[in-house]
Amino acid sequence: MGFLKKLFGGGSAPSRDDGLYVYIKLARGGEIVRLRINPGSELNPNEDETGYVSRKYVVGPRSYQRAEGTFHFNANRQIVSVELEGGEVSTEEEWQAQEANNEVSN
């Protein structure tokens, strides 16, 4: 039974989320998407090996609109710049407001 709890996340130990979150506002429709980047598996060394880069497709879960992003990180795995095609960087507050508005609408 202990094996199954470990396998499926049972037990009292809280899980730690090391994900890096970026909020993207899609150009078509304006939907804001919360994008999670896993620093353990989704960061690749950049060309001069002074930092990291990650390329991701962003798809709106409601509108299915898409954007493409390239995310640049320093050696400490902190975001230093973002290049987006089909969207722009947004904020967590704007995403939360959108989510609250969607809950009221449903």
N, C-alpha and C. Protein backbone atom coordinates (compact mmCIF):
# COMPACT_ATOMS: atom_id res chain seq x y z
N MET A 1 0.81 -1.19 0.00
CA MET A 1 0.00 0.00 0.00
C MET A 1 0.86 1.25 0.00
N GLY A 2 1.98 1.24 0.73
CA GLY A 2 2.87 2.39 0.77
C GLY A 2 3.44 2.70 -0.60
N PHE A 3 3.69 1.67 -1.39
CA PHE A 3 4.20 1.85 -2.74
C PHE A 3 3.21 2.63 -3.60
N LEU A 4 1.92 2.29 -3.49
CA LEU A 4 0.90 2.97 -4.27
C LEU A 4 0.76 4.43 -3.87
N LYS A 5 0.89 4.73 -2.57
CA LYS A 5 0.82 6.11 -2.13
C LYS A 5 1.96 6.93 -2.72
N LYS A 6 3.15 6.36 -2.73
CA LYS A 6 4.29 7.06 -3.32
C LYS A 6 4.11 7.25 -4.81
N LEU A 7 3.60 6.23 -5.47
CA LEU A 7 3.43 6.27 -6.92
C LEU A 7 2.40 7.30 -7.35
N PHE A 8 1.28 7.39 -6.62
CA PHE A 8 0.19 8.27 -7.00
C PHE A 8 0.08 9.52 -6.14
N GLY A 9 1.13 9.87 -5.41
CA GLY A 9 1.15 11.13 -4.68
C GLY A 9 0.41 11.12 -3.37
N GLY A 10 0.05 9.98 -2.85
CA GLY A 10 -0.63 9.94 -1.57
C GLY A 10 0.34 10.24 -0.44
N GLY A 11 -0.15 10.49 0.72
CA GLY A 11 0.70 10.78 1.86
C GLY A 11 0.61 12.25 2.24
N SER A 12 1.32 12.61 3.28
CA SER A 12 1.18 13.96 3.82
C SER A 12 2.25 14.93 3.33
N ALA A 13 3.29 14.47 2.67
CA ALA A 13 4.35 15.38 2.22
C ALA A 13 3.86 16.22 1.06
N PRO A 14 3.88 17.55 1.20
CA PRO A 14 3.44 18.41 0.10
C PRO A 14 4.43 18.35 -1.06
N SER A 15 3.90 18.36 -2.27
CA SER A 15 4.78 18.32 -3.43
C SER A 15 5.31 19.72 -3.70
N ARG A 16 6.52 19.80 -4.17
CA ARG A 16 7.17 21.08 -4.44
C ARG A 16 7.16 21.32 -5.93
N ASP A 17 6.67 22.47 -6.34
CA ASP A 17 6.60 22.82 -7.75
C ASP A 17 7.74 23.77 -8.08
N ASP A 18 8.72 23.28 -8.83
CA ASP A 18 9.86 24.10 -9.21
C ASP A 18 9.66 24.77 -10.57
N GLY A 19 8.45 24.69 -11.09
CA GLY A 19 8.18 25.26 -12.41
C GLY A 19 8.32 26.77 -12.44
N LEU A 20 8.72 27.27 -13.61
CA LEU A 20 8.78 28.70 -13.86
C LEU A 20 7.54 29.06 -14.66
N TYR A 21 6.79 30.05 -14.20
CA TYR A 21 5.54 30.41 -14.86
C TYR A 21 5.67 31.73 -15.60
N VAL A 22 5.15 31.74 -16.83
CA VAL A 22 5.11 32.92 -17.67
C VAL A 22 3.67 33.07 -18.14
N TYR A 23 3.19 34.29 -18.20
CA TYR A 23 1.81 34.57 -18.60
C TYR A 23 1.84 35.23 -19.96
N ILE A 24 1.12 34.63 -20.92
CA ILE A 24 1.13 35.06 -22.31
C ILE A 24 -0.28 35.47 -22.73
N LYS A 25 -0.40 36.67 -23.26
CA LYS A 25 -1.67 37.13 -23.82
C LYS A 25 -1.64 36.90 -25.32
N LEU A 26 -2.52 36.04 -25.80
CA LEU A 26 -2.55 35.69 -27.22
C LEU A 26 -3.08 36.86 -28.04
N ALA A 27 -2.44 37.09 -29.18
CA ALA A 27 -2.79 38.24 -30.02
C ALA A 27 -4.22 38.13 -30.55
N ARG A 28 -4.60 36.96 -30.98
CA ARG A 28 -5.97 36.76 -31.49
C ARG A 28 -6.86 36.35 -30.35
N GLY A 29 -7.82 37.18 -30.00
CA GLY A 29 -8.79 36.86 -28.96
C GLY A 29 -8.42 37.37 -27.58
N GLY A 30 -7.16 37.60 -27.31
CA GLY A 30 -6.75 38.17 -26.04
C GLY A 30 -6.74 37.23 -24.85
N GLU A 31 -6.89 35.93 -25.09
CA GLU A 31 -6.87 34.98 -23.97
C GLU A 31 -5.49 34.98 -23.33
N ILE A 32 -5.45 34.94 -22.00
CA ILE A 32 -4.19 34.90 -21.26
C ILE A 32 -3.95 33.46 -20.81
N VAL A 33 -2.77 32.95 -21.13
CA VAL A 33 -2.41 31.57 -20.85
C VAL A 33 -1.28 31.54 -19.82
N ARG A 34 -1.42 30.68 -18.82
CA ARG A 34 -0.33 30.45 -17.86
C ARG A 34 0.51 29.31 -18.41
N LEU A 35 1.76 29.61 -18.70
CA LEU A 35 2.68 28.64 -19.29
C LEU A 35 3.70 28.21 -18.23
N ARG A 36 3.85 26.92 -18.05
CA ARG A 36 4.82 26.38 -17.10
C ARG A 36 6.04 25.86 -17.85
N ILE A 37 7.20 26.30 -17.42
CA ILE A 37 8.46 25.81 -17.99
C ILE A 37 9.17 25.03 -16.89
N ASN A 38 9.51 23.79 -17.19
CA ASN A 38 10.21 22.93 -16.22
C ASN A 38 11.71 23.18 -16.35
N PRO A 39 12.34 23.81 -15.36
CA PRO A 39 13.76 24.12 -15.48
C PRO A 39 14.66 22.89 -15.48
N GLY A 40 14.15 21.78 -15.00
CA GLY A 40 14.95 20.56 -14.97
C GLY A 40 15.05 19.84 -16.30
N SER A 41 14.06 20.07 -17.18
CA SER A 41 14.08 19.31 -18.43
C SER A 41 13.82 20.14 -19.68
N GLU A 42 13.41 21.41 -19.54
CA GLU A 42 13.05 22.19 -20.71
C GLU A 42 13.98 23.35 -21.01
N LEU A 43 15.09 23.45 -20.28
CA LEU A 43 16.07 24.50 -20.56
C LEU A 43 17.28 23.87 -21.24
N ASN A 44 17.67 24.45 -22.35
CA ASN A 44 18.82 23.98 -23.11
C ASN A 44 19.90 25.04 -23.09
N PRO A 45 21.18 24.65 -23.03
CA PRO A 45 22.25 25.65 -23.06
C PRO A 45 22.14 26.50 -24.33
N ASN A 46 22.34 27.83 -24.18
CA ASN A 46 22.30 28.68 -25.36
C ASN A 46 23.61 28.55 -26.15
N GLU A 47 23.69 29.23 -27.27
CA GLU A 47 24.83 29.05 -28.18
C GLU A 47 26.18 29.35 -27.55
N ASP A 48 26.25 30.40 -26.73
CA ASP A 48 27.54 30.74 -26.12
C ASP A 48 27.71 30.13 -24.73
N GLU A 49 26.77 29.29 -24.32
CA GLU A 49 26.79 28.54 -23.07
C GLU A 49 26.91 29.42 -21.83
N THR A 50 26.35 30.65 -21.90
CA THR A 50 26.34 31.53 -20.73
C THR A 50 24.99 31.50 -20.04
N GLY A 51 24.04 30.82 -20.62
CA GLY A 51 22.69 30.74 -20.07
C GLY A 51 21.93 29.63 -20.75
N TYR A 52 20.61 29.79 -20.77
CA TYR A 52 19.74 28.75 -21.31
C TYR A 52 18.67 29.35 -22.21
N VAL A 53 18.07 28.50 -23.01
CA VAL A 53 16.97 28.90 -23.88
C VAL A 53 15.92 27.79 -23.87
N SER A 54 14.67 28.18 -24.03
CA SER A 54 13.58 27.22 -24.14
C SER A 54 12.61 27.75 -25.19
N ARG A 55 12.18 26.88 -26.08
CA ARG A 55 11.21 27.25 -27.11
C ARG A 55 9.93 26.46 -26.85
N LYS A 56 8.79 27.18 -26.86
CA LYS A 56 7.52 26.54 -26.55
C LYS A 56 6.43 27.07 -27.46
N TYR A 57 5.48 26.19 -27.75
CA TYR A 57 4.23 26.61 -28.38
C TYR A 57 3.23 26.85 -27.27
N VAL A 58 2.46 27.90 -27.40
CA VAL A 58 1.46 28.26 -26.42
C VAL A 58 0.10 28.13 -27.09
N VAL A 59 -0.80 27.36 -26.48
CA VAL A 59 -2.14 27.16 -27.04
C VAL A 59 -3.16 27.54 -25.98
N GLY A 60 -4.08 28.42 -26.34
CA GLY A 60 -5.14 28.82 -25.43
C GLY A 60 -6.10 27.68 -25.18
N PRO A 61 -6.35 27.30 -23.93
CA PRO A 61 -7.23 26.16 -23.64
C PRO A 61 -8.70 26.42 -23.99
N ARG A 62 -9.09 27.66 -24.09
CA ARG A 62 -10.48 27.97 -24.45
C ARG A 62 -10.63 28.31 -25.93
N SER A 63 -9.71 29.11 -26.44
CA SER A 63 -9.83 29.60 -27.82
C SER A 63 -9.05 28.76 -28.83
N TYR A 64 -8.11 27.96 -28.36
CA TYR A 64 -7.21 27.17 -29.21
C TYR A 64 -6.35 28.04 -30.12
N GLN A 65 -6.26 29.34 -29.81
CA GLN A 65 -5.35 30.21 -30.53
C GLN A 65 -3.93 29.88 -30.09
N ARG A 66 -2.95 30.18 -30.99
CA ARG A 66 -1.58 29.77 -30.69
C ARG A 66 -0.60 30.93 -30.78
N ALA A 67 0.51 30.75 -30.08
CA ALA A 67 1.65 31.65 -30.15
C ALA A 67 2.89 30.78 -30.03
N GLU A 68 4.01 31.33 -30.44
CA GLU A 68 5.28 30.61 -30.33
C GLU A 68 6.24 31.50 -29.56
N GLY A 69 6.90 30.93 -28.57
CA GLY A 69 7.79 31.73 -27.74
C GLY A 69 9.18 31.15 -27.61
N THR A 70 10.16 32.04 -27.51
CA THR A 70 11.53 31.68 -27.19
C THR A 70 11.88 32.42 -25.91
N PHE A 71 12.27 31.68 -24.89
CA PHE A 71 12.51 32.22 -23.57
C PHE A 71 14.00 32.08 -23.25
N HIS A 72 14.64 33.19 -22.90
CA HIS A 72 16.07 33.22 -22.62
C HIS A 72 16.29 33.37 -21.11
N PHE A 73 17.20 32.57 -20.57
CA PHE A 73 17.49 32.53 -19.15
C PHE A 73 18.97 32.78 -18.91
N ASN A 74 19.30 33.35 -17.74
CA ASN A 74 20.71 33.51 -17.38
C ASN A 74 21.22 32.21 -16.76
N ALA A 75 22.46 32.22 -16.28
CA ALA A 75 23.06 31.01 -15.71
C ALA A 75 22.35 30.57 -14.44
N ASN A 76 21.63 31.48 -13.78
CA ASN A 76 20.87 31.15 -12.57
C ASN A 76 19.45 30.71 -12.88
N ARG A 77 19.16 30.50 -14.16
CA ARG A 77 17.85 30.03 -14.62
C ARG A 77 16.73 31.03 -14.34
N GLN A 78 17.06 32.30 -14.44
CA GLN A 78 16.07 33.38 -14.32
C GLN A 78 15.82 33.94 -15.72
N ILE A 79 14.56 34.24 -16.02
CA ILE A 79 14.20 34.76 -17.34
C ILE A 79 14.82 36.13 -17.53
N VAL A 80 15.50 36.31 -18.68
CA VAL A 80 16.08 37.61 -18.99
C VAL A 80 15.42 38.26 -20.20
N SER A 81 14.84 37.45 -21.10
CA SER A 81 14.11 38.02 -22.23
C SER A 81 13.17 36.98 -22.82
N VAL A 82 12.14 37.51 -23.50
CA VAL A 82 11.13 36.66 -24.13
C VAL A 82 10.87 37.19 -25.53
N GLU A 83 10.85 36.29 -26.50
CA GLU A 83 10.48 36.63 -27.88
C GLU A 83 9.21 35.86 -28.19
N LEU A 84 8.16 36.59 -28.58
CA LEU A 84 6.88 35.95 -28.86
C LEU A 84 6.39 36.31 -30.25
N GLU A 85 5.85 35.31 -30.92
CA GLU A 85 5.18 35.51 -32.19
C GLU A 85 3.74 35.07 -31.98
N GLY A 86 2.82 36.04 -32.08
CA GLY A 86 1.41 35.73 -31.87
C GLY A 86 0.92 36.01 -30.48
N GLY A 87 1.68 36.77 -29.71
CA GLY A 87 1.27 37.10 -28.35
C GLY A 87 2.22 38.07 -27.71
N GLU A 88 1.92 38.41 -26.45
CA GLU A 88 2.77 39.31 -25.68
C GLU A 88 2.77 38.86 -24.23
N VAL A 89 3.78 39.28 -23.48
CA VAL A 89 3.88 38.91 -22.07
C VAL A 89 2.79 39.63 -21.30
N SER A 90 2.16 38.92 -20.39
CA SER A 90 1.12 39.46 -19.52
C SER A 90 1.57 39.29 -18.07
N THR A 91 0.65 39.45 -17.14
CA THR A 91 0.98 39.32 -15.71
C THR A 91 0.09 38.27 -15.05
N GLU A 92 0.53 37.80 -13.90
CA GLU A 92 -0.27 36.84 -13.14
C GLU A 92 -1.59 37.47 -12.71
N GLU A 93 -1.57 38.75 -12.35
CA GLU A 93 -2.78 39.43 -11.92
C GLU A 93 -3.83 39.47 -13.03
N GLU A 94 -3.40 39.75 -14.26
CA GLU A 94 -4.34 39.76 -15.38
C GLU A 94 -4.89 38.37 -15.63
N TRP A 95 -4.06 37.35 -15.50
CA TRP A 95 -4.51 35.96 -15.68
C TRP A 95 -5.54 35.61 -14.61
N GLN A 96 -5.26 35.97 -13.35
CA GLN A 96 -6.19 35.68 -12.26
C GLN A 96 -7.53 36.39 -12.47
N ALA A 97 -7.50 37.62 -12.95
CA ALA A 97 -8.74 38.36 -13.22
C ALA A 97 -9.54 37.66 -14.31
N GLN A 98 -8.85 37.19 -15.35
CA GLN A 98 -9.51 36.46 -16.43
C GLN A 98 -10.15 35.18 -15.89
N GLU A 99 -9.42 34.44 -15.06
CA GLU A 99 -9.94 33.19 -14.51
C GLU A 99 -11.15 33.45 -13.62
N ALA A 100 -11.09 34.50 -12.80
CA ALA A 100 -12.22 34.83 -11.93
C ALA A 100 -13.44 35.21 -12.77
N ASN A 101 -13.22 35.94 -13.84
CA ASN A 101 -14.30 36.33 -14.74
C ASN A 101 -14.91 35.10 -15.42
N ASN A 102 -14.08 34.14 -15.79
CA ASN A 102 -14.58 32.92 -16.43
C ASN A 102 -15.40 32.07 -15.46
N GLU A 103 -15.02 32.06 -14.18
CA GLU A 103 -15.78 31.31 -13.18
C GLU A 103 -17.16 31.91 -12.98
N VAL A 104 -17.25 33.23 -13.02
CA VAL A 104 -18.53 33.92 -12.85
C VAL A 104 -19.42 33.64 -14.06
N SER A 105 -18.83 33.61 -15.24
CA SER A 105 -19.59 33.39 -16.48
C SER A 105 -20.15 31.97 -16.56
N ASN A 106 -19.46 31.02 -15.96
CA ASN A 106 -19.90 29.63 -16.06
C ASN A 106 -20.90 29.37 -15.04
